[in-house]
Every structure is written in structure tokens, then in C-alpha cells.
C-alpha atoms as a PDB file:
ATOM      1  CA  MET A   1    -117.029  56.729 -60.151  1.00  0.00           C
ATOM      2  CA  ALA A   2    -115.788  56.512 -56.601  1.00  0.00           C
ATOM      3  CA  ILE A   3    -115.454  59.731 -54.698  1.00  0.00           C
ATOM      4  CA  ALA A   4    -112.272  60.035 -52.681  1.00  0.00           C
ATOM      5  CA  PRO A   5    -112.960  60.529 -48.991  1.00  0.00           C
ATOM      6  CA  GLU A   6    -112.429  64.032 -47.744  1.00  0.00           C
ATOM      7  CA  THR A   7    -109.091  64.468 -46.076  1.00  0.00           C
ATOM      8  CA  VAL A   8    -109.475  65.736 -42.541  1.00  0.00           C
ATOM      9  CA  SER A   9    -106.458  67.361 -40.973  1.00  0.00           C
ATOM     10  CA  PRO A  10    -105.612  65.925 -37.573  1.00  0.00           C
ATOM     11  CA  PRO A  11    -105.959  68.312 -34.633  1.00  0.00           C
ATOM     12  CA  PRO A  12    -102.750  69.968 -33.455  1.00  0.00           C
ATOM     13  CA  PRO A  13    -100.816  67.912 -30.877  1.00  0.00           C
ATOM     14  CA  GLY A  14    -101.166  70.760 -28.417  1.00  0.00           C
ATOM     15  CA  LEU A  15     -98.745  72.614 -26.203  1.00  0.00           C
ATOM     16  CA  THR A  16     -99.720  71.094 -22.877  1.00  0.00           C
ATOM     17  CA  THR A  17     -97.044  71.308 -20.175  1.00  0.00           C
ATOM     18  CA  THR A  18     -94.924  68.090 -20.008  1.00  0.00           C
ATOM     19  CA  LYS A  19     -96.788  66.684 -23.049  1.00  0.00           C
ATOM     20  CA  ALA A  20     -95.684  68.858 -25.972  1.00  0.00           C
ATOM     21  CA  PRO A  21     -93.594  67.177 -28.734  1.00  0.00           C
ATOM     22  CA  PHE A  22     -92.496  70.615 -29.991  1.00  0.00           C
ATOM     23  CA  ILE A  23     -90.892  71.390 -26.625  1.00  0.00           C
ATOM     24  CA  GLU A  24     -89.284  67.966 -26.292  1.00  0.00           C
ATOM     25  CA  GLU A  25     -87.690  68.378 -29.719  1.00  0.00           C
ATOM     26  CA  ALA A  26     -86.353  71.830 -28.825  1.00  0.00           C
ATOM     27  CA  ARG A  27     -84.863  70.504 -25.594  1.00  0.00           C
ATOM     28  CA  ALA A  28     -83.309  67.547 -27.387  1.00  0.00           C
ATOM     29  CA  HIS A  29     -81.495  70.023 -29.645  1.00  0.00           C
ATOM     30  CA  GLY A  30     -80.391  72.115 -26.650  1.00  0.00           C
ATOM     31  CA  ASP A  31     -82.502  75.095 -27.752  1.00  0.00           C
ATOM     32  CA  ILE A  32     -83.339  77.455 -24.893  1.00  0.00           C
ATOM     33  CA  TYR A  33     -84.785  80.273 -27.009  1.00  0.00           C
ATOM     34  CA  ILE A  34     -87.571  79.272 -29.373  1.00  0.00           C
ATOM     35  CA  HIS A  35     -90.586  80.806 -31.120  1.00  0.00           C
ATOM     36  CA  GLN A  36     -94.235  80.531 -30.141  1.00  0.00           C
ATOM     37  CA  PRO A  37     -95.792  78.063 -32.630  1.00  0.00           C
ATOM     38  CA  TYR A  38     -99.280  79.446 -32.141  1.00  0.00           C
ATOM     39  CA  GLU A  39    -100.881  77.016 -34.579  1.00  0.00           C
ATOM     40  CA  LEU A  40    -100.016  74.118 -32.258  1.00  0.00           C
ATOM     41  CA  TYR A  41    -102.319  75.233 -29.449  1.00  0.00           C
ATOM     42  CA  SER A  42    -105.231  72.818 -29.298  1.00  0.00           C
ATOM     43  CA  ALA A  43    -108.849  73.716 -28.622  1.00  0.00           C
ATOM     44  CA  GLU A  44    -108.335  72.246 -25.138  1.00  0.00           C
ATOM     45  CA  ASN A  45    -105.319  74.503 -24.589  1.00  0.00           C
ATOM     46  CA  GLN A  46    -107.386  77.541 -25.547  1.00  0.00           C
ATOM     47  CA  ALA A  47    -110.249  76.459 -23.278  1.00  0.00           C
ATOM     48  CA  THR A  48    -107.825  75.988 -20.364  1.00  0.00           C
ATOM     49  CA  TRP A  49    -106.515  79.524 -20.808  1.00  0.00           C
ATOM     50  CA  GLY A  50    -110.067  80.848 -20.766  1.00  0.00           C
ATOM     51  CA  LYS A  51    -110.868  79.000 -17.538  1.00  0.00           C
ATOM     52  CA  LEU A  52    -107.668  80.172 -15.856  1.00  0.00           C
ATOM     53  CA  ILE A  53    -107.993  83.841 -16.660  1.00  0.00           C
ATOM     54  CA  GLY A  54    -111.763  83.898 -16.220  1.00  0.00           C
ATOM     55  CA  ARG A  55    -111.738  82.568 -12.675  1.00  0.00           C
ATOM     56  CA  MET A  56    -108.977  84.964 -11.583  1.00  0.00           C
ATOM     57  CA  GLN A  57    -110.804  88.197 -12.403  1.00  0.00           C
ATOM     58  CA  ASP A  58    -112.553  88.646  -9.056  1.00  0.00           C
ATOM     59  CA  ARG A  59    -109.463  87.482  -7.147  1.00  0.00           C
ATOM     60  CA  TRP A  60    -107.256  89.993  -8.909  1.00  0.00           C
ATOM     61  CA  LYS A  61    -109.679  92.833  -8.238  1.00  0.00           C
ATOM     62  CA  ARG A  62    -109.743  91.964  -4.552  1.00  0.00           C
ATOM     63  CA  TYR A  63    -106.128  91.020  -3.812  1.00  0.00           C
ATOM     64  CA  ALA A  64    -103.767  92.311  -6.538  1.00  0.00           C
ATOM     65  CA  ASN A  65    -101.811  95.530  -6.238  1.00  0.00           C
ATOM     66  CA  GLU A  66    -102.897  98.563  -8.224  1.00  0.00           C
ATOM     67  CA  ARG A  67     -99.983  98.493 -10.677  1.00  0.00           C
ATOM     68  CA  PHE A  68    -100.799  94.902 -11.660  1.00  0.00           C
ATOM     69  CA  LEU A  69    -104.417  95.838 -12.344  1.00  0.00           C
ATOM     70  CA  GLU A  70    -103.249  98.772 -14.455  1.00  0.00           C
ATOM     71  CA  GLY A  71    -100.989  96.395 -16.379  1.00  0.00           C
ATOM     72  CA  LEU A  72    -103.906  94.076 -17.089  1.00  0.00           C
ATOM     73  CA  ASP A  73    -105.844  96.995 -18.534  1.00  0.00           C
ATOM     74  CA  LYS A  74    -102.913  98.000 -20.718  1.00  0.00           C
ATOM     75  CA  LEU A  75    -102.286  94.504 -22.063  1.00  0.00           C
ATOM     76  CA  GLN A  76    -105.971  93.685 -22.582  1.00  0.00           C
ATOM     77  CA  LEU A  77    -105.490  89.959 -21.958  1.00  0.00           C
ATOM     78  CA  SER A  78    -108.547  88.129 -23.231  1.00  0.00           C
ATOM     79  CA  ALA A  79    -110.137  84.947 -21.925  1.00  0.00           C
ATOM     80  CA  ALA A  80    -111.120  84.166 -25.527  1.00  0.00           C
ATOM     81  CA  ARG A  81    -107.641  83.071 -26.601  1.00  0.00           C
ATOM     82  CA  ILE A  82    -104.060  82.503 -25.507  1.00  0.00           C
ATOM     83  CA  PRO A  83    -102.104  85.699 -26.172  1.00  0.00           C
ATOM     84  CA  ARG A  84     -99.582  85.957 -28.960  1.00  0.00           C
ATOM     85  CA  LEU A  85     -96.273  87.107 -27.503  1.00  0.00           C
ATOM     86  CA  GLU A  86     -95.537  89.429 -30.411  1.00  0.00           C
ATOM     87  CA  GLU A  87     -98.746  91.311 -29.598  1.00  0.00           C
ATOM     88  CA  ILE A  88     -97.820  91.473 -25.901  1.00  0.00           C
ATOM     89  CA  ASN A  89     -94.396  92.822 -26.825  1.00  0.00           C
ATOM     90  CA  ARG A  90     -95.771  95.677 -28.906  1.00  0.00           C
ATOM     91  CA  PHE A  91     -97.451  97.009 -25.772  1.00  0.00           C
ATOM     92  CA  LEU A  92     -94.621  96.173 -23.392  1.00  0.00           C
ATOM     93  CA  GLN A  93     -91.715  97.638 -25.336  1.00  0.00           C
ATOM     94  CA  ALA A  94     -93.493 100.957 -25.758  1.00  0.00           C
ATOM     95  CA  LEU A  95     -94.087 101.158 -22.003  1.00  0.00           C
ATOM     96  CA  THR A  96     -90.882  99.874 -20.350  1.00  0.00           C
ATOM     97  CA  GLY A  97     -88.672  98.396 -23.066  1.00  0.00           C
ATOM     98  CA  PHE A  98     -89.338  94.869 -21.789  1.00  0.00           C
ATOM     99  CA  ARG A  99     -90.321  91.982 -24.015  1.00  0.00           C
ATOM    100  CA  ALA A 100     -91.420  88.414 -23.411  1.00  0.00           C
ATOM    101  CA  ARG A 101     -88.930  85.996 -24.977  1.00  0.00           C
ATOM    102  CA  PRO A 102     -90.248  82.448 -25.535  1.00  0.00           C
ATOM    103  CA  VAL A 103     -88.176  79.616 -24.061  1.00  0.00           C
ATOM    104  CA  SER A 104     -88.377  75.827 -24.065  1.00  0.00           C
ATOM    105  CA  GLY A 105     -88.495  75.536 -20.283  1.00  0.00           C
ATOM    106  CA  TYR A 106     -85.871  75.798 -17.563  1.00  0.00           C
ATOM    107  CA  VAL A 107     -83.312  78.566 -18.079  1.00  0.00           C
ATOM    108  CA  PRO A 108     -79.985  78.390 -16.154  1.00  0.00           C
ATOM    109  CA  SER A 109     -79.860  80.982 -13.386  1.00  0.00           C
ATOM    110  CA  TYR A 110     -77.311  83.408 -14.826  1.00  0.00           C
ATOM    111  CA  VAL A 111     -78.881  83.289 -18.280  1.00  0.00           C
ATOM    112  CA  PHE A 112     -82.281  84.055 -16.713  1.00  0.00           C
ATOM    113  CA  PHE A 113     -80.992  86.994 -14.679  1.00  0.00           C
ATOM    114  CA  ASP A 114     -78.978  88.313 -17.615  1.00  0.00           C
ATOM    115  CA  CYS A 115     -82.173  88.340 -19.675  1.00  0.00           C
ATOM    116  CA  LEU A 116     -83.702  90.622 -17.042  1.00  0.00           C
ATOM    117  CA  ARG A 117     -80.697  92.923 -17.308  1.00  0.00           C
ATOM    118  CA  ARG A 118     -81.414  93.188 -21.048  1.00  0.00           C
ATOM    119  CA  ARG A 119     -85.141  93.770 -20.395  1.00  0.00           C
ATOM    120  CA  GLU A 120     -86.130  90.341 -21.649  1.00  0.00           C
ATOM    121  CA  PHE A 121     -88.344  87.968 -19.695  1.00  0.00           C
ATOM    122  CA  PRO A 122     -87.933  84.229 -20.445  1.00  0.00           C
ATOM    123  CA  THR A 123     -91.513  83.141 -21.099  1.00  0.00           C
ATOM    124  CA  THR A 124     -92.894  79.616 -21.150  1.00  0.00           C
ATOM    125  CA  ILE A 125     -95.252  78.934 -24.059  1.00  0.00           C
ATOM    126  CA  THR A 126     -96.879  75.695 -22.860  1.00  0.00           C
ATOM    127  CA  ILE A 127    -100.050  75.669 -20.760  1.00  0.00           C
ATOM    128  CA  ARG A 128    -100.997  73.381 -17.886  1.00  0.00           C
ATOM    129  CA  ASP A 129    -103.372  70.440 -18.257  1.00  0.00           C
ATOM    130  CA  GLY A 130    -106.945  71.656 -18.073  1.00  0.00           C
ATOM    131  CA  ALA A 131    -107.877  68.791 -15.756  1.00  0.00           C
ATOM    132  CA  GLN A 132    -105.545  70.154 -13.054  1.00  0.00           C
ATOM    133  CA  LEU A 133    -105.886  73.921 -13.044  1.00  0.00           C
ATOM    134  CA  GLU A 134    -104.133  74.427  -9.687  1.00  0.00           C
ATOM    135  CA  TYR A 135    -101.406  71.835 -10.154  1.00  0.00           C
ATOM    136  CA  LEU A 136     -98.338  73.306 -11.800  1.00  0.00           C
ATOM    137  CA  PRO A 137     -95.348  70.965 -12.225  1.00  0.00           C
ATOM    138  CA  GLU A 138     -93.390  73.780 -13.865  1.00  0.00           C
ATOM    139  CA  PRO A 139     -94.107  77.336 -15.094  1.00  0.00           C
ATOM    140  CA  ASP A 140     -96.578  77.756 -17.917  1.00  0.00           C
ATOM    141  CA  ILE A 141     -97.820  80.617 -20.070  1.00  0.00           C
ATOM    142  CA  PHE A 142    -100.533  81.530 -17.572  1.00  0.00           C
ATOM    143  CA  HIS A 143     -98.009  81.872 -14.755  1.00  0.00           C
ATOM    144  CA  ASP A 144     -95.580  83.838 -16.933  1.00  0.00           C
ATOM    145  CA  VAL A 145     -97.990  86.036 -18.906  1.00  0.00           C
ATOM    146  CA  GLY A 146    -100.921  86.147 -16.500  1.00  0.00           C
ATOM    147  CA  GLY A 147     -98.783  86.437 -13.367  1.00  0.00           C
ATOM    148  CA  HIS A 148     -95.519  88.163 -14.355  1.00  0.00           C
ATOM    149  CA  VAL A 149     -95.999  90.201 -17.504  1.00  0.00           C
ATOM    150  CA  PRO A 150     -98.628  92.743 -16.317  1.00  0.00           C
ATOM    151  CA  MET A 151     -96.079  93.858 -13.700  1.00  0.00           C
ATOM    152  CA  HIS A 152     -93.570  94.513 -16.498  1.00  0.00           C
ATOM    153  CA  THR A 153     -95.712  97.392 -17.733  1.00  0.00           C
ATOM    154  CA  ASP A 154     -94.748  99.409 -14.633  1.00  0.00           C
ATOM    155  CA  PRO A 155     -91.476 101.367 -15.052  1.00  0.00           C
ATOM    156  CA  ALA A 156     -90.462 101.169 -11.376  1.00  0.00           C
ATOM    157  CA  PHE A 157     -90.977  97.418 -11.167  1.00  0.00           C
ATOM    158  CA  ALA A 158     -89.257  96.888 -14.518  1.00  0.00           C
ATOM    159  CA  GLN A 159     -86.241  98.835 -13.309  1.00  0.00           C
ATOM    160  CA  ALA A 160     -86.047  96.647 -10.184  1.00  0.00           C
ATOM    161  CA  LEU A 161     -85.869  93.578 -12.452  1.00  0.00           C
ATOM    162  CA  VAL A 162     -83.066  95.154 -14.475  1.00  0.00           C
ATOM    163  CA  ARG A 163     -81.257  95.942 -11.227  1.00  0.00           C
ATOM    164  CA  PHE A 164     -81.564  92.302 -10.222  1.00  0.00           C
ATOM    165  CA  GLY A 165     -79.900  91.270 -13.471  1.00  0.00           C
ATOM    166  CA  GLU A 166     -77.069  93.697 -12.752  1.00  0.00           C
ATOM    167  CA  CYS A 167     -76.653  92.154  -9.307  1.00  0.00           C
ATOM    168  CA  ALA A 168     -76.240  88.716 -10.883  1.00  0.00           C
ATOM    169  CA  ALA A 169     -73.626  90.144 -13.267  1.00  0.00           C
ATOM    170  CA  SER A 170     -71.719  91.489 -10.245  1.00  0.00           C
ATOM    171  CA  ALA A 171     -71.789  88.014  -8.696  1.00  0.00           C
ATOM    172  CA  ALA A 172     -70.340  86.473 -11.864  1.00  0.00           C
ATOM    173  CA  ARG A 173     -67.565  89.089 -12.110  1.00  0.00           C
ATOM    174  CA  ARG A 174     -66.698  88.684  -8.434  1.00  0.00           C
ATOM    175  CA  ALA A 175     -66.491  84.900  -8.755  1.00  0.00           C
ATOM    176  CA  SER A 176     -64.208  85.155 -11.785  1.00  0.00           C
ATOM    177  CA  ALA A 177     -61.650  87.030  -9.678  1.00  0.00           C
ATOM    178  CA  ILE A 178     -61.315  84.214  -7.094  1.00  0.00           C
ATOM    179  CA  SER A 179     -58.327  82.000  -7.948  1.00  0.00           C
ATOM    180  CA  ASP A 180     -58.992  79.137  -5.548  1.00  0.00           C
ATOM    181  CA  GLU A 181     -61.456  76.913  -7.381  1.00  0.00           C
ATOM    182  CA  HIS A 182     -62.994  75.348  -4.274  1.00  0.00           C
ATOM    183  CA  GLU A 183     -63.519  78.731  -2.634  1.00  0.00           C
ATOM    184  CA  LYS A 184     -64.929  80.160  -5.850  1.00  0.00           C
ATOM    185  CA  LEU A 185     -67.580  77.445  -6.053  1.00  0.00           C
ATOM    186  CA  ARG A 186     -68.396  77.658  -2.346  1.00  0.00           C
ATOM    187  CA  ARG A 187     -68.952  81.406  -2.404  1.00  0.00           C
ATOM    188  CA  LEU A 188     -70.803  81.338  -5.694  1.00  0.00           C
ATOM    189  CA  THR A 189     -73.144  78.599  -4.462  1.00  0.00           C
ATOM    190  CA  SER A 190     -73.980  80.721  -1.431  1.00  0.00           C
ATOM    191  CA  ASN A 191     -74.460  83.829  -3.596  1.00  0.00           C
ATOM    192  CA  ILE A 192     -76.828  82.056  -6.004  1.00  0.00           C
ATOM    193  CA  ARG A 193     -78.834  80.604  -3.117  1.00  0.00           C
ATOM    194  CA  ALA A 194     -79.150  84.080  -1.556  1.00  0.00           C
ATOM    195  CA  MET A 195     -80.296  85.684  -4.818  1.00  0.00           C
ATOM    196  CA  SER A 196     -82.754  82.847  -5.491  1.00  0.00           C
ATOM    197  CA  ARG A 197     -84.305  83.310  -2.039  1.00  0.00           C
ATOM    198  CA  PHE A 198     -84.535  87.059  -2.543  1.00  0.00           C
ATOM    199  CA  PHE A 199     -86.215  86.583  -5.933  1.00  0.00           C
ATOM    200  CA  TRP A 200     -88.633  83.989  -4.518  1.00  0.00           C
ATOM    201  CA  PHE A 201     -89.787  86.103  -1.580  1.00  0.00           C
ATOM    202  CA  SER A 202     -90.103  89.264  -3.676  1.00  0.00           C
ATOM    203  CA  ILE A 203     -90.781  88.789  -7.393  1.00  0.00           C
ATOM    204  CA  GLU A 204     -92.564  85.452  -6.984  1.00  0.00           C
ATOM    205  CA  PHE A 205     -94.266  85.665  -3.573  1.00  0.00           C
ATOM    206  CA  GLY A 206     -94.053  89.290  -2.488  1.00  0.00           C
ATOM    207  CA  LEU A 207     -96.671  91.339  -0.665  1.00  0.00           C
ATOM    208  CA  MET A 208     -96.879  95.125  -0.685  1.00  0.00           C
ATOM    209  CA  ARG A 209     -98.496  97.639   1.618  1.00  0.00           C
ATOM    210  CA  ALA A 210    -101.044  99.532  -0.493  1.00  0.00           C
ATOM    211  CA  ALA A 211    -100.587 103.292  -0.694  1.00  0.00           C
ATOM    212  CA  ARG A 212    -102.770 105.076   1.816  1.00  0.00           C
ATOM    213  CA  GLY A 213    -105.695 106.976   0.418  1.00  0.00           C
ATOM    214  CA  ALA A 214    -108.823 106.117  -1.520  1.00  0.00           C
ATOM    215  CA  GLY A 215    -109.974 104.098   1.483  1.00  0.00           C
ATOM    216  CA  SER A 216    -107.139 101.537   1.244  1.00  0.00           C
ATOM    217  CA  GLY A 217    -105.937 102.097   4.797  1.00  0.00           C
ATOM    218  CA  GLY A 218    -102.553 100.680   3.825  1.00  0.00           C
ATOM    219  CA  ALA A 219    -104.016  97.199   3.248  1.00  0.00           C
ATOM    220  CA  LEU A 220    -101.785  94.366   2.074  1.00  0.00           C
ATOM    221  CA  LYS A 221    -101.857  93.589  -1.649  1.00  0.00           C
ATOM    222  CA  VAL A 222    -100.142  90.958  -3.781  1.00  0.00           C
ATOM    223  CA  TYR A 223     -97.419  91.735  -6.327  1.00  0.00           C
ATOM    224  CA  GLY A 224     -95.616  88.376  -6.434  1.00  0.00           C
ATOM    225  CA  SER A 225     -96.360  86.434  -9.608  1.00  0.00           C
ATOM    226  CA  GLY A 226     -96.513  83.034  -7.957  1.00  0.00           C
ATOM    227  CA  LEU A 227     -99.440  84.356  -5.928  1.00  0.00           C
ATOM    228  CA  LEU A 228    -101.001  86.333  -8.775  1.00  0.00           C
ATOM    229  CA  SER A 229    -101.263  83.180 -10.883  1.00  0.00           C
ATOM    230  CA  SER A 230    -102.682  80.953  -8.133  1.00  0.00           C
ATOM    231  CA  PHE A 231    -106.445  80.937  -7.572  1.00  0.00           C
ATOM    232  CA  GLY A 232    -106.115  79.394  -4.124  1.00  0.00           C
ATOM    233  CA  GLU A 233    -102.937  80.912  -2.757  1.00  0.00           C
ATOM    234  CA  ILE A 234    -103.626  84.551  -3.656  1.00  0.00           C
ATOM    235  CA  ALA A 235    -106.489  84.582  -1.143  1.00  0.00           C
ATOM    236  CA  HIS A 236    -104.613  82.424   1.376  1.00  0.00           C
ATOM    237  CA  ALA A 237    -101.670  84.850   1.316  1.00  0.00           C
ATOM    238  CA  ILE A 238    -103.830  87.780   2.439  1.00  0.00           C
ATOM    239  CA  ASP A 239    -106.639  86.206   4.480  1.00  0.00           C
ATOM    240  CA  SER A 240    -105.256  83.110   6.176  1.00  0.00           C
ATOM    241  CA  PRO A 241    -104.298  83.335   9.879  1.00  0.00           C
ATOM    242  CA  ASP A 242    -101.746  80.585   9.173  1.00  0.00           C
ATOM    243  CA  VAL A 243     -99.493  82.903   7.146  1.00  0.00           C
ATOM    244  CA  GLN A 244     -96.823  84.945   8.899  1.00  0.00           C
ATOM    245  CA  ARG A 245     -96.370  88.305   7.159  1.00  0.00           C
ATOM    246  CA  VAL A 246     -93.315  90.353   8.130  1.00  0.00           C
ATOM    247  CA  PRO A 247     -91.452  93.418   6.809  1.00  0.00           C
ATOM    248  CA  PHE A 248     -88.852  92.545   4.183  1.00  0.00           C
ATOM    249  CA  GLN A 249     -85.386  92.372   5.715  1.00  0.00           C
ATOM    250  CA  ILE A 250     -82.520  91.132   3.566  1.00  0.00           C
ATOM    251  CA  GLU A 251     -80.728  89.380   6.439  1.00  0.00           C
ATOM    252  CA  TRP A 252     -83.817  87.265   7.084  1.00  0.00           C
ATOM    253  CA  VAL A 253     -84.718  86.607   3.460  1.00  0.00           C
ATOM    254  CA  ILE A 254     -81.317  85.374   2.274  1.00  0.00           C
ATOM    255  CA  ASN A 255     -81.179  82.850   5.115  1.00  0.00           C
ATOM    256  CA  GLN A 256     -84.773  81.633   4.739  1.00  0.00           C
ATOM    257  CA  GLY A 257     -85.238  78.417   2.782  1.00  0.00           C
ATOM    258  CA  PHE A 258     -88.462  77.685   0.929  1.00  0.00           C
ATOM    259  CA  GLU A 259     -90.347  74.695  -0.449  1.00  0.00           C
ATOM    260  CA  ILE A 260     -92.332  74.866  -3.667  1.00  0.00           C
ATOM    261  CA  ASP A 261     -94.921  72.110  -3.182  1.00  0.00           C
ATOM    262  CA  HIS A 262     -97.279  73.795  -0.712  1.00  0.00           C
ATOM    263  CA  TYR A 263     -98.694  77.206   0.190  1.00  0.00           C
ATOM    264  CA  GLN A 264     -96.063  79.501   1.663  1.00  0.00           C
ATOM    265  CA  PRO A 265     -96.326  79.925   5.469  1.00  0.00           C
ATOM    266  CA  LEU A 266     -94.038  82.991   5.557  1.00  0.00           C
ATOM    267  CA  LEU A 267     -94.288  86.041   3.303  1.00  0.00           C
ATOM    268  CA  TYR A 268     -92.408  89.343   3.243  1.00  0.00           C
ATOM    269  CA  VAL A 269     -93.873  92.819   2.775  1.00  0.00           C
ATOM    270  CA  VAL A 270     -92.334  95.791   0.932  1.00  0.00           C
ATOM    271  CA  ASP A 271     -93.610  99.371   0.992  1.00  0.00           C
ATOM    272  CA  SER A 272     -93.397 100.235  -2.715  1.00  0.00           C
ATOM    273  CA  PHE A 273     -91.571  99.407  -5.908  1.00  0.00           C
ATOM    274  CA  ASP A 274     -89.058 102.139  -5.106  1.00  0.00           C
ATOM    275  CA  HIS A 275     -88.477 100.275  -1.843  1.00  0.00           C
ATOM    276  CA  LEU A 276     -88.014  97.046  -3.816  1.00  0.00           C
ATOM    277  CA  PHE A 277     -85.451  98.729  -6.087  1.00  0.00           C
ATOM    278  CA  ALA A 278     -83.575  99.985  -3.013  1.00  0.00           C
ATOM    279  CA  LEU A 279     -83.581  96.471  -1.559  1.00  0.00           C
ATOM    280  CA  VAL A 280     -82.089  94.996  -4.754  1.00  0.00           C
ATOM    281  CA  THR A 281     -79.400  97.681  -4.664  1.00  0.00           C
ATOM    282  CA  GLU A 282     -78.715  96.788  -1.031  1.00  0.00           C
ATOM    283  CA  LEU A 283     -78.535  93.114  -2.012  1.00  0.00           C
ATOM    284  CA  GLU A 284     -75.754  93.905  -4.501  1.00  0.00           C
ATOM    285  CA  GLN A 285     -73.891  95.912  -1.865  1.00  0.00           C
ATOM    286  CA  CYS A 286     -74.135  92.952   0.511  1.00  0.00           C
ATOM    287  CA  LEU A 287     -72.838  90.674  -2.255  1.00  0.00           C
ATOM    288  CA  LEU A 288     -69.820  92.864  -2.957  1.00  0.00           C
ATOM    289  CA  ALA A 289     -69.074  93.127   0.762  1.00  0.00           C
ATOM    290  CA  GLY A 290     -69.044  89.334   1.124  1.00  0.00           C
ATOM    291  CA  LYS A 291     -72.230  89.200   3.194  1.00  0.00           C
ATOM    292  CA  LEU A 292     -73.825  86.653   0.874  1.00  0.00           C
ATOM    293  CA  ASP A 293     -70.894  84.220   1.027  1.00  0.00           C
ATOM    294  CA  ASN A 294     -72.108  82.228   4.013  1.00  0.00           C
ATOM    295  CA  VAL A 295     -75.905  82.109   3.957  1.00  0.00           C
ATOM    296  CA  ALA A 296     -77.773  79.293   5.688  1.00  0.00           C
ATOM    297  CA  PRO A 297     -77.700  75.994   3.766  1.00  0.00           C
ATOM    298  CA  GLY A 298     -80.850  74.316   2.521  1.00  0.00           C
ATOM    299  CA  ASP A 299     -83.414  74.993  -0.165  1.00  0.00           C
ATOM    300  CA  PRO A 300     -83.126  75.890  -2.899  1.00  0.00           C
ATOM    301  CA  GLU A 301     -80.435  73.514  -4.039  1.00  0.00           C
ATOM    302  CA  VAL A 302     -77.950  75.011  -6.496  1.00  0.00           C
ATOM    303  CA  SER A 303     -77.378  72.748  -9.485  1.00  0.00           C
ATOM    304  CA  GLU A 304     -74.190  72.275 -11.458  1.00  0.00           C
ATOM    305  CA  THR A 305     -75.964  73.825 -14.426  1.00  0.00           C
ATOM    306  CA  ASP A 306     -76.705  76.981 -12.439  1.00  0.00           C
ATOM    307  CA  LEU A 307     -73.109  77.188 -11.210  1.00  0.00           C
ATOM    308  CA  ALA A 308     -71.816  76.723 -14.742  1.00  0.00           C
ATOM    309  CA  SER A 309     -74.109  79.470 -16.001  1.00  0.00           C
ATOM    310  CA  PHE A 310     -72.489  81.969 -13.620  1.00  0.00           C
ATOM    311  CA  LEU A 311     -68.986  80.741 -14.428  1.00  0.00           C
ATOM    312  CA  HIS A 312     -69.436  80.793 -18.193  1.00  0.00           C
ATOM    313  CA  GLY A 313     -72.368  83.096 -18.886  1.00  0.00           C
ATOM    314  CA  ASP A 314     -74.055  82.462 -22.226  1.00  0.00           C
ATOM    315  CA  LYS A 315     -71.646  79.578 -22.888  1.00  0.00           C
ATOM    316  CA  ALA A 316     -73.264  77.531 -20.103  1.00  0.00           C
ATOM    317  CA  PRO A 317     -74.530  74.146 -21.282  1.00  0.00           C
ATOM    318  CA  PRO A 318     -78.280  73.588 -21.429  1.00  0.00           C
ATOM    319  CA  PRO A 319     -79.846  71.537 -18.618  1.00  0.00           C
ATOM    320  CA  VAL A 320     -79.644  67.777 -18.984  1.00  0.00           C
ATOM    321  CA  THR A 321     -83.023  66.242 -19.887  1.00  0.00           C
END
């Protein structure tokens, strides 16, 4: 009697950035908000997470701001496995009301900022290719959860994010009141570019002067998530003589373009998260006064999808893939 061969289940296809069939299918259906299909993470995906978080430990201790380190302790991120977002959210919501909301990738600008207003953070679920730990063609779960989410455990920082979402809502309301279509688009393009630059140089690549005391001497620390999730650039941002570090001034920031494919040569410093909140409030005041209507052209480019998201809110079409 022949014995049927044992059926071996194929390994999961994985959730590797730019290579995940699950994500491609979601995008094809126009789905921005998705779930985290944890069973699809491959053994390689899990190993990549372990490498990424393991090698950052000493860098975080040396360069990250105190509130980020406290957030890491609260979330208890483990190198042993990729975190489940529902577990992250149980900690987060009890602390600041924030939650990580899984998305299929790019989120139109207004939709992204409006999520912040509602204390939701659009969170990528894919993870970068383990063969290229530093190369990041687009955000991944290590950037979003390892870089952003620990900061969301801090009430002052979380409130600054909410304030940013409110600023974006003010921009959308202001644009809706402009009858001349050409002028509406011109002003709104400038407003979006200004807010994107502000977000880049603060939430993504911000530095903060450490509180004096405990031997800190007011040293510079990192709070921007783009730096906190980069093994190479977190040290470069603090130690390199090639980086210009200047006090955060809105007039400079909103007119300063940036490029995403190399280490940043210019970084801005805030004094505290209360200072950051005050700066976001000032940004909204500048917006309402028309001071963001004519910022310097250049990067980042504002896409039609981003413009549509501000003109139509949640009715904005998904990005074309």
C-alpha cells in the first residue's frame, strides 16, 4: 500500500517592502486602510526585524532623546519578533490615546494629517529587504514603529502631532473659501509645501537640546523619526562636522527644500516638546495670515493626489499605482 507523501505547506510569501503580493492587491483595490496579516511575515522578515532593532540599541542609548527611550521601555519592543500592532495599541491608547493604523503604503497628505488630528498614525506593515538594511525605498514597519511610535507615548509630543493635524484642517477650510480656482490651487500648493517642510525638519529629522541636569550639559539629542530609524544617520546628525545645526525658525524652515536620497546637511533644533507645540501653533497662525502662500519653490513637489486630498478630504482618490 502506497503511503501518500506528506503535504508540506509552502512558506508565507512574506511582507517585504516592494515585494508583497498582499500589499499589491490592496493597492489594486484602492484600499488605504488594511489589517496586519501577521501570518504572512516570513522567517526572513522576522530575522530582518531582529537585526534592525538589535543594532540600534547602542545608538539609541547614545543619541536618542530621553522621551524616546522612555517610550521604548513602555512599549517593550522585542528583537525576537515583529510587533503586532494591536499589542502596540493597547499600550499607546492608555498613554496618549494614539493608535497605529495599518496602511497599504502612501497616504495622501490631507488624509495623513487628518489621521494625526484623530490620534491615529498611518503605519506601514511591510519590512525592508534584509540584504539592504540601510536602503529604504519607502517607509517600512521599522521606520514607523521603531522610529515614530515610541515618541507617541509622550503626551506633549502626541499633542503636537494633533495640533499639526488641526493646522492641515485649517489649510483645507481656508482653501475652500477661495473662489478663484487658479489662486486656490496656487496658494494650497504653497501651503502644503510649507507644512511638508515643517514636518520633515521636525517630526522626521528634528534635533532637540537635552534638558540641563544629570550631566547632560544641554547636549543635542535626536527626536526625529527619520534619524531614529537610521543606523548611519543618527550618529552623523550629532557627530559629523558636515552637518549645519541651527535653531528652528519657521521662516527658514518653510522656505528650505530637502532631498530624501542622502544624509541631511542641515538640521533644526528645538528646545522641548512644548516648544515644538508652540511652533506648530505659530505655523497655523502664519497660514491663516497668508504667510505660507508664497514659500520658495522646489522640493518637495506637491502631487495632484495631495492637492485633491486637501480639496476633497476623505473623498480624495487613492494614489495611482
